[in-house]
Amino acid sequence: MNQVLIFQLGEENYGVDILKIREIVELVPLTPAPNAPNWVEGVLNHHGRVATVLNLSSFFDLPSEGRKGSKKIAVIDDPSMDVGILLEEPLEVISEWETKAEISREPEFVKNRYVAGVLISKGRIVNLFDIDKLLNDLDSYFE
């Protein structure tokens, strides 16, 4: 992992390996997905393919009120499904950090199932988001 895209969920910083992201696009009006869970924002026509856009704040049941940054969609680079993640700016890409630690995953918190480790960058804690675990779980959820 050479670079990490940092974004916020609630009051916490999260990061994802930049190589897992195909593209970051502007938020456009999304098509609602009937009968979808509340954490599915809708679907997006992305280069002729339908991508499901997820709101991780809703997925993790984190507060998002008071956030006024513009929104972007990170389209995940995965051959098995087209998924986008709703992100609020400001976003930052880092390539250096002071510390990286693996963590144990405590099953009682859904959020912890998807945090693979922690980085310390410029004095702030960044939870490393395990996008592969999320996509694997989503694949079984939408079967």
N, C-alpha and C. Protein backbone atom coordinates (compact mmCIF):
# COMPACT_ATOMS: atom_id res chain seq x y z
N MET A 1 0.86 -1.17 0.00
CA MET A 1 0.00 0.00 0.00
C MET A 1 0.90 1.23 0.00
N ASN A 2 0.86 1.97 -1.10
CA ASN A 2 1.71 3.15 -1.23
C ASN A 2 1.00 4.45 -0.90
N GLN A 3 -0.30 4.53 -1.23
CA GLN A 3 -1.06 5.73 -0.96
C GLN A 3 -2.42 5.36 -0.40
N VAL A 4 -2.93 6.25 0.45
CA VAL A 4 -4.21 6.02 1.11
C VAL A 4 -5.07 7.26 0.92
N LEU A 5 -6.32 7.05 0.48
CA LEU A 5 -7.30 8.13 0.40
C LEU A 5 -7.96 8.24 1.76
N ILE A 6 -7.89 9.44 2.36
CA ILE A 6 -8.50 9.66 3.67
C ILE A 6 -9.81 10.40 3.50
N PHE A 7 -10.84 9.94 4.22
CA PHE A 7 -12.14 10.58 4.23
C PHE A 7 -12.71 10.46 5.64
N GLN A 8 -13.78 11.19 5.92
CA GLN A 8 -14.38 11.15 7.24
C GLN A 8 -15.72 10.44 7.21
N LEU A 9 -15.96 9.69 8.28
CA LEU A 9 -17.27 9.12 8.57
C LEU A 9 -17.58 9.54 10.00
N GLY A 10 -18.67 10.28 10.17
CA GLY A 10 -18.94 10.82 11.50
C GLY A 10 -17.79 11.73 11.88
N GLU A 11 -17.21 11.49 13.04
CA GLU A 11 -16.09 12.29 13.51
C GLU A 11 -14.75 11.56 13.34
N GLU A 12 -14.74 10.42 12.67
CA GLU A 12 -13.53 9.62 12.56
C GLU A 12 -12.96 9.68 11.15
N ASN A 13 -11.64 9.52 11.06
CA ASN A 13 -10.95 9.46 9.78
C ASN A 13 -10.84 8.01 9.33
N TYR A 14 -11.11 7.78 8.07
CA TYR A 14 -10.97 6.46 7.47
C TYR A 14 -10.08 6.58 6.25
N GLY A 15 -9.43 5.49 5.91
CA GLY A 15 -8.59 5.48 4.73
C GLY A 15 -8.77 4.20 3.96
N VAL A 16 -8.60 4.28 2.65
CA VAL A 16 -8.67 3.11 1.79
C VAL A 16 -7.49 3.18 0.81
N ASP A 17 -6.92 2.03 0.55
CA ASP A 17 -5.81 1.94 -0.39
C ASP A 17 -6.25 2.54 -1.72
N ILE A 18 -5.51 3.51 -2.22
CA ILE A 18 -5.88 4.21 -3.45
C ILE A 18 -5.96 3.26 -4.65
N LEU A 19 -5.24 2.15 -4.60
CA LEU A 19 -5.28 1.18 -5.69
C LEU A 19 -6.62 0.45 -5.77
N LYS A 20 -7.43 0.54 -4.72
CA LYS A 20 -8.76 -0.09 -4.71
C LYS A 20 -9.82 0.82 -5.35
N ILE A 21 -9.42 2.04 -5.71
CA ILE A 21 -10.37 3.00 -6.25
C ILE A 21 -10.11 3.19 -7.74
N ARG A 22 -11.13 2.94 -8.55
CA ARG A 22 -11.02 3.10 -10.00
C ARG A 22 -11.05 4.57 -10.38
N GLU A 23 -11.96 5.32 -9.74
CA GLU A 23 -12.16 6.71 -10.14
C GLU A 23 -12.94 7.43 -9.04
N ILE A 24 -12.71 8.72 -8.90
CA ILE A 24 -13.52 9.56 -8.02
C ILE A 24 -14.28 10.52 -8.92
N VAL A 25 -15.61 10.50 -8.80
CA VAL A 25 -16.47 11.31 -9.67
C VAL A 25 -17.33 12.25 -8.84
N GLU A 26 -17.79 13.29 -9.48
CA GLU A 26 -18.72 14.23 -8.83
C GLU A 26 -20.04 13.51 -8.54
N LEU A 27 -20.69 13.93 -7.47
CA LEU A 27 -22.01 13.39 -7.16
C LEU A 27 -23.01 13.96 -8.15
N VAL A 28 -23.73 13.07 -8.80
CA VAL A 28 -24.81 13.44 -9.71
C VAL A 28 -26.09 12.88 -9.11
N PRO A 29 -27.26 13.33 -9.59
CA PRO A 29 -28.49 12.74 -9.08
C PRO A 29 -28.48 11.22 -9.29
N LEU A 30 -28.78 10.50 -8.24
CA LEU A 30 -28.78 9.05 -8.28
C LEU A 30 -30.19 8.53 -8.50
N THR A 31 -30.31 7.39 -9.13
CA THR A 31 -31.60 6.73 -9.30
C THR A 31 -31.89 5.93 -8.05
N PRO A 32 -33.05 6.14 -7.43
CA PRO A 32 -33.37 5.36 -6.22
C PRO A 32 -33.40 3.86 -6.52
N ALA A 33 -33.06 3.08 -5.52
CA ALA A 33 -33.09 1.62 -5.63
C ALA A 33 -34.23 1.13 -4.73
N PRO A 34 -35.38 0.78 -5.32
CA PRO A 34 -36.54 0.36 -4.51
C PRO A 34 -36.20 -0.85 -3.64
N ASN A 35 -36.72 -0.83 -2.44
CA ASN A 35 -36.57 -1.92 -1.47
C ASN A 35 -35.13 -2.17 -1.05
N ALA A 36 -34.25 -1.22 -1.30
CA ALA A 36 -32.84 -1.37 -0.88
C ALA A 36 -32.70 -0.94 0.57
N PRO A 37 -31.67 -1.42 1.25
CA PRO A 37 -31.42 -0.97 2.62
C PRO A 37 -31.16 0.54 2.65
N ASN A 38 -31.33 1.15 3.83
CA ASN A 38 -31.19 2.61 3.94
C ASN A 38 -29.77 3.09 3.63
N TRP A 39 -28.78 2.23 3.64
CA TRP A 39 -27.40 2.63 3.36
C TRP A 39 -27.07 2.57 1.87
N VAL A 40 -28.03 2.18 1.04
CA VAL A 40 -27.85 2.27 -0.41
C VAL A 40 -28.45 3.60 -0.84
N GLU A 41 -27.59 4.52 -1.28
CA GLU A 41 -28.04 5.86 -1.69
C GLU A 41 -28.80 5.81 -3.00
N GLY A 42 -28.47 4.86 -3.84
CA GLY A 42 -29.10 4.74 -5.15
C GLY A 42 -28.12 4.10 -6.11
N VAL A 43 -28.44 4.20 -7.40
CA VAL A 43 -27.56 3.64 -8.42
C VAL A 43 -27.13 4.75 -9.37
N LEU A 44 -25.98 4.53 -9.99
CA LEU A 44 -25.34 5.50 -10.84
C LEU A 44 -24.99 4.84 -12.17
N ASN A 45 -25.24 5.54 -13.27
CA ASN A 45 -24.78 5.06 -14.56
C ASN A 45 -23.33 5.53 -14.69
N HIS A 46 -22.41 4.60 -14.59
CA HIS A 46 -20.99 4.92 -14.64
C HIS A 46 -20.37 4.28 -15.87
N HIS A 47 -20.15 5.07 -16.89
CA HIS A 47 -19.58 4.60 -18.16
C HIS A 47 -20.38 3.43 -18.73
N GLY A 48 -21.71 3.54 -18.68
CA GLY A 48 -22.58 2.52 -19.26
C GLY A 48 -22.84 1.32 -18.36
N ARG A 49 -22.32 1.34 -17.15
CA ARG A 49 -22.56 0.24 -16.20
C ARG A 49 -23.26 0.80 -14.98
N VAL A 50 -24.10 0.00 -14.38
CA VAL A 50 -24.84 0.43 -13.20
C VAL A 50 -24.02 0.13 -11.96
N ALA A 51 -23.73 1.18 -11.18
CA ALA A 51 -22.98 1.04 -9.93
C ALA A 51 -23.88 1.38 -8.76
N THR A 52 -23.90 0.53 -7.77
CA THR A 52 -24.63 0.79 -6.53
C THR A 52 -23.80 1.71 -5.65
N VAL A 53 -24.41 2.81 -5.17
CA VAL A 53 -23.69 3.78 -4.36
C VAL A 53 -24.09 3.60 -2.91
N LEU A 54 -23.08 3.38 -2.06
CA LEU A 54 -23.30 3.13 -0.64
C LEU A 54 -22.98 4.36 0.19
N ASN A 55 -23.75 4.54 1.25
CA ASN A 55 -23.48 5.59 2.23
C ASN A 55 -22.95 4.88 3.47
N LEU A 56 -21.63 4.95 3.67
CA LEU A 56 -21.02 4.23 4.80
C LEU A 56 -21.42 4.80 6.14
N SER A 57 -21.75 6.10 6.20
CA SER A 57 -22.23 6.66 7.47
C SER A 57 -23.51 5.96 7.90
N SER A 58 -24.42 5.75 6.96
CA SER A 58 -25.66 5.04 7.27
C SER A 58 -25.39 3.56 7.55
N PHE A 59 -24.47 2.96 6.80
CA PHE A 59 -24.12 1.56 6.98
C PHE A 59 -23.62 1.30 8.40
N PHE A 60 -22.76 2.21 8.89
CA PHE A 60 -22.20 2.07 10.23
C PHE A 60 -23.04 2.75 11.30
N ASP A 61 -24.16 3.35 10.90
CA ASP A 61 -25.04 4.06 11.82
C ASP A 61 -24.30 5.18 12.55
N LEU A 62 -23.54 5.96 11.77
CA LEU A 62 -22.79 7.08 12.32
C LEU A 62 -23.51 8.38 12.01
N PRO A 63 -23.41 9.37 12.90
CA PRO A 63 -24.06 10.65 12.62
C PRO A 63 -23.35 11.37 11.49
N SER A 64 -24.13 12.01 10.62
CA SER A 64 -23.53 12.79 9.54
C SER A 64 -24.09 14.20 9.50
N GLU A 65 -24.91 14.57 10.50
CA GLU A 65 -25.47 15.91 10.50
C GLU A 65 -24.38 16.94 10.74
N GLY A 66 -24.59 18.11 10.19
CA GLY A 66 -23.63 19.18 10.35
C GLY A 66 -22.52 19.16 9.32
N ARG A 67 -22.43 18.14 8.50
CA ARG A 67 -21.39 18.07 7.47
C ARG A 67 -21.90 18.82 6.25
N LYS A 68 -21.14 19.76 5.79
CA LYS A 68 -21.58 20.59 4.68
C LYS A 68 -20.64 20.51 3.48
N GLY A 69 -19.67 19.62 3.51
CA GLY A 69 -18.75 19.50 2.38
C GLY A 69 -19.46 18.94 1.16
N SER A 70 -18.93 19.28 -0.01
CA SER A 70 -19.52 18.71 -1.21
C SER A 70 -19.23 17.22 -1.25
N LYS A 71 -20.01 16.51 -2.00
CA LYS A 71 -19.90 15.06 -2.02
C LYS A 71 -19.29 14.56 -3.32
N LYS A 72 -18.57 13.47 -3.20
CA LYS A 72 -17.97 12.78 -4.34
C LYS A 72 -18.35 11.30 -4.22
N ILE A 73 -18.11 10.57 -5.29
CA ILE A 73 -18.32 9.12 -5.26
C ILE A 73 -17.00 8.47 -5.65
N ALA A 74 -16.51 7.59 -4.79
CA ALA A 74 -15.33 6.79 -5.11
C ALA A 74 -15.84 5.49 -5.71
N VAL A 75 -15.57 5.29 -6.99
CA VAL A 75 -15.97 4.06 -7.66
C VAL A 75 -14.88 3.03 -7.40
N ILE A 76 -15.27 1.92 -6.80
CA ILE A 76 -14.32 0.90 -6.37
C ILE A 76 -13.89 0.05 -7.56
N ASP A 77 -12.62 -0.27 -7.60
CA ASP A 77 -12.07 -1.08 -8.67
C ASP A 77 -12.18 -2.55 -8.29
N ASP A 78 -13.27 -3.17 -8.71
CA ASP A 78 -13.52 -4.57 -8.40
C ASP A 78 -14.17 -5.22 -9.62
N PRO A 79 -13.62 -6.33 -10.11
CA PRO A 79 -14.17 -6.94 -11.33
C PRO A 79 -15.52 -7.63 -11.12
N SER A 80 -15.86 -7.98 -9.88
CA SER A 80 -17.08 -8.76 -9.67
C SER A 80 -18.33 -7.91 -9.48
N MET A 81 -18.19 -6.64 -9.10
CA MET A 81 -19.37 -5.79 -8.92
C MET A 81 -18.98 -4.33 -9.08
N ASP A 82 -19.97 -3.52 -9.44
CA ASP A 82 -19.77 -2.08 -9.59
C ASP A 82 -20.36 -1.39 -8.38
N VAL A 83 -19.50 -0.82 -7.55
CA VAL A 83 -19.91 -0.19 -6.30
C VAL A 83 -19.22 1.16 -6.19
N GLY A 84 -19.97 2.13 -5.71
CA GLY A 84 -19.41 3.43 -5.38
C GLY A 84 -19.66 3.73 -3.92
N ILE A 85 -18.78 4.51 -3.35
CA ILE A 85 -18.92 4.90 -1.95
C ILE A 85 -19.07 6.42 -1.90
N LEU A 86 -20.09 6.88 -1.21
CA LEU A 86 -20.34 8.30 -1.06
C LEU A 86 -19.31 8.88 -0.08
N LEU A 87 -18.60 9.92 -0.52
CA LEU A 87 -17.57 10.56 0.30
C LEU A 87 -17.89 12.04 0.41
N GLU A 88 -17.57 12.61 1.57
CA GLU A 88 -17.70 14.05 1.73
C GLU A 88 -16.32 14.67 1.71
N GLU A 89 -16.21 15.79 1.01
CA GLU A 89 -14.94 16.49 1.00
C GLU A 89 -14.76 17.21 2.32
N PRO A 90 -13.58 17.55 2.73
CA PRO A 90 -12.35 17.43 1.97
C PRO A 90 -11.79 16.01 2.02
N LEU A 91 -11.18 15.62 0.91
CA LEU A 91 -10.51 14.33 0.80
C LEU A 91 -9.01 14.62 0.74
N GLU A 92 -8.24 13.62 1.15
CA GLU A 92 -6.79 13.80 1.12
C GLU A 92 -6.14 12.46 0.78
N VAL A 93 -5.12 12.50 -0.03
CA VAL A 93 -4.34 11.31 -0.33
C VAL A 93 -2.99 11.47 0.37
N ILE A 94 -2.64 10.46 1.16
CA ILE A 94 -1.35 10.49 1.84
C ILE A 94 -0.48 9.34 1.35
N SER A 95 0.81 9.54 1.40
CA SER A 95 1.74 8.48 1.01
C SER A 95 2.75 8.19 2.11
N GLU A 96 2.66 8.93 3.20
CA GLU A 96 3.55 8.70 4.34
C GLU A 96 2.74 8.74 5.63
N TRP A 97 3.13 7.87 6.55
CA TRP A 97 2.52 7.84 7.88
C TRP A 97 3.55 7.38 8.87
N GLU A 98 3.31 7.74 10.12
CA GLU A 98 4.29 7.44 11.16
C GLU A 98 4.18 6.00 11.66
N THR A 99 2.98 5.51 11.80
CA THR A 99 2.76 4.20 12.41
C THR A 99 1.65 3.48 11.68
N LYS A 100 1.81 2.17 11.56
CA LYS A 100 0.74 1.33 11.04
C LYS A 100 0.60 0.15 11.99
N ALA A 101 -0.63 -0.12 12.41
CA ALA A 101 -0.86 -1.22 13.34
C ALA A 101 -2.04 -2.05 12.86
N GLU A 102 -1.91 -3.35 12.97
CA GLU A 102 -3.04 -4.24 12.71
C GLU A 102 -3.89 -4.27 13.98
N ILE A 103 -5.18 -4.51 13.82
CA ILE A 103 -6.04 -4.60 15.00
C ILE A 103 -6.85 -5.88 14.93
N SER A 104 -7.29 -6.29 16.10
CA SER A 104 -8.19 -7.45 16.13
C SER A 104 -9.59 -6.94 15.83
N ARG A 105 -10.39 -7.78 15.23
CA ARG A 105 -11.75 -7.39 14.86
C ARG A 105 -12.73 -7.90 15.90
N GLU A 106 -13.37 -6.97 16.57
CA GLU A 106 -14.35 -7.34 17.59
C GLU A 106 -15.71 -7.45 16.93
N PRO A 107 -16.32 -8.64 16.94
CA PRO A 107 -17.56 -8.84 16.19
C PRO A 107 -18.76 -8.07 16.72
N GLU A 108 -18.72 -7.58 17.96
CA GLU A 108 -19.91 -6.90 18.48
C GLU A 108 -20.14 -5.54 17.83
N PHE A 109 -19.14 -5.00 17.17
CA PHE A 109 -19.31 -3.73 16.48
C PHE A 109 -19.17 -3.96 14.99
N VAL A 110 -20.22 -3.70 14.22
CA VAL A 110 -20.18 -3.93 12.78
C VAL A 110 -19.04 -3.15 12.14
N LYS A 111 -18.80 -1.95 12.65
CA LYS A 111 -17.74 -1.11 12.10
C LYS A 111 -16.39 -1.82 12.18
N ASN A 112 -16.11 -2.48 13.28
CA ASN A 112 -14.80 -3.12 13.47
C ASN A 112 -14.55 -4.27 12.51
N ARG A 113 -15.61 -4.87 11.98
CA ARG A 113 -15.41 -5.95 11.00
C ARG A 113 -14.73 -5.44 9.74
N TYR A 114 -14.85 -4.15 9.48
CA TYR A 114 -14.34 -3.60 8.24
C TYR A 114 -13.12 -2.68 8.44
N VAL A 115 -12.56 -2.68 9.62
CA VAL A 115 -11.34 -1.91 9.89
C VAL A 115 -10.20 -2.91 10.03
N ALA A 116 -9.25 -2.84 9.09
CA ALA A 116 -8.15 -3.80 9.05
C ALA A 116 -6.95 -3.34 9.87
N GLY A 117 -6.86 -2.07 10.14
CA GLY A 117 -5.71 -1.56 10.88
C GLY A 117 -5.87 -0.08 11.11
N VAL A 118 -4.83 0.51 11.67
CA VAL A 118 -4.85 1.92 12.01
C VAL A 118 -3.54 2.55 11.55
N LEU A 119 -3.63 3.73 10.96
CA LEU A 119 -2.46 4.53 10.61
C LEU A 119 -2.45 5.77 11.50
N ILE A 120 -1.28 6.25 11.79
CA ILE A 120 -1.13 7.56 12.43
C ILE A 120 -0.46 8.45 11.40
N SER A 121 -1.15 9.51 11.01
CA SER A 121 -0.63 10.44 10.02
C SER A 121 -0.84 11.86 10.50
N LYS A 122 0.25 12.61 10.63
CA LYS A 122 0.19 14.00 11.08
C LYS A 122 -0.58 14.14 12.38
N GLY A 123 -0.37 13.20 13.29
CA GLY A 123 -0.99 13.26 14.61
C GLY A 123 -2.44 12.81 14.66
N ARG A 124 -2.99 12.35 13.57
CA ARG A 124 -4.40 11.91 13.59
C ARG A 124 -4.45 10.40 13.34
N ILE A 125 -5.47 9.81 13.90
CA ILE A 125 -5.69 8.37 13.74
C ILE A 125 -6.55 8.16 12.50
N VAL A 126 -6.13 7.22 11.64
CA VAL A 126 -6.87 6.90 10.43
C VAL A 126 -7.17 5.40 10.45
N ASN A 127 -8.45 5.05 10.49
CA ASN A 127 -8.87 3.65 10.43
C ASN A 127 -8.74 3.16 9.00
N LEU A 128 -7.99 2.08 8.80
CA LEU A 128 -7.84 1.52 7.46
C LEU A 128 -9.05 0.67 7.12
N PHE A 129 -9.79 1.10 6.12
CA PHE A 129 -11.02 0.44 5.74
C PHE A 129 -10.72 -0.76 4.85
N ASP A 130 -11.27 -1.92 5.21
CA ASP A 130 -11.06 -3.15 4.45
C ASP A 130 -12.16 -3.27 3.39
N ILE A 131 -11.92 -2.67 2.24
CA ILE A 131 -12.93 -2.64 1.17
C ILE A 131 -13.19 -4.03 0.62
N ASP A 132 -12.17 -4.91 0.60
CA ASP A 132 -12.36 -6.27 0.10
C ASP A 132 -13.35 -7.04 0.98
N LYS A 133 -13.26 -6.87 2.29
CA LYS A 133 -14.18 -7.54 3.22
C LYS A 133 -15.61 -7.04 2.99
N LEU A 134 -15.76 -5.73 2.82
CA LEU A 134 -17.08 -5.16 2.57
C LEU A 134 -17.67 -5.71 1.28
N LEU A 135 -16.88 -5.71 0.21
CA LEU A 135 -17.39 -6.21 -1.08
C LEU A 135 -17.74 -7.67 -1.02
N ASN A 136 -16.95 -8.45 -0.31
CA ASN A 136 -17.25 -9.88 -0.13
C ASN A 136 -18.58 -10.07 0.61
N ASP A 137 -18.79 -9.29 1.66
CA ASP A 137 -20.05 -9.37 2.41
C ASP A 137 -21.23 -8.87 1.57
N LEU A 138 -21.02 -7.82 0.79
CA LEU A 138 -22.09 -7.31 -0.07
C LEU A 138 -22.47 -8.30 -1.15
N ASP A 139 -21.48 -8.99 -1.67
CA ASP A 139 -21.74 -10.00 -2.69
C ASP A 139 -22.70 -11.05 -2.18
N SER A 140 -22.52 -11.49 -0.95
CA SER A 140 -23.43 -12.49 -0.38
C SER A 140 -24.77 -11.87 0.01
N TYR A 141 -24.75 -10.56 0.39
CA TYR A 141 -25.98 -9.88 0.78
C TYR A 141 -26.92 -9.73 -0.42
N PHE A 142 -26.38 -9.40 -1.58
CA PHE A 142 -27.21 -9.14 -2.75
C PHE A 142 -27.46 -10.35 -3.62
N GLU A 143 -27.05 -11.55 -3.18
CA GLU A 143 -27.32 -12.75 -3.97
C GLU A 143 -28.78 -13.07 -4.03
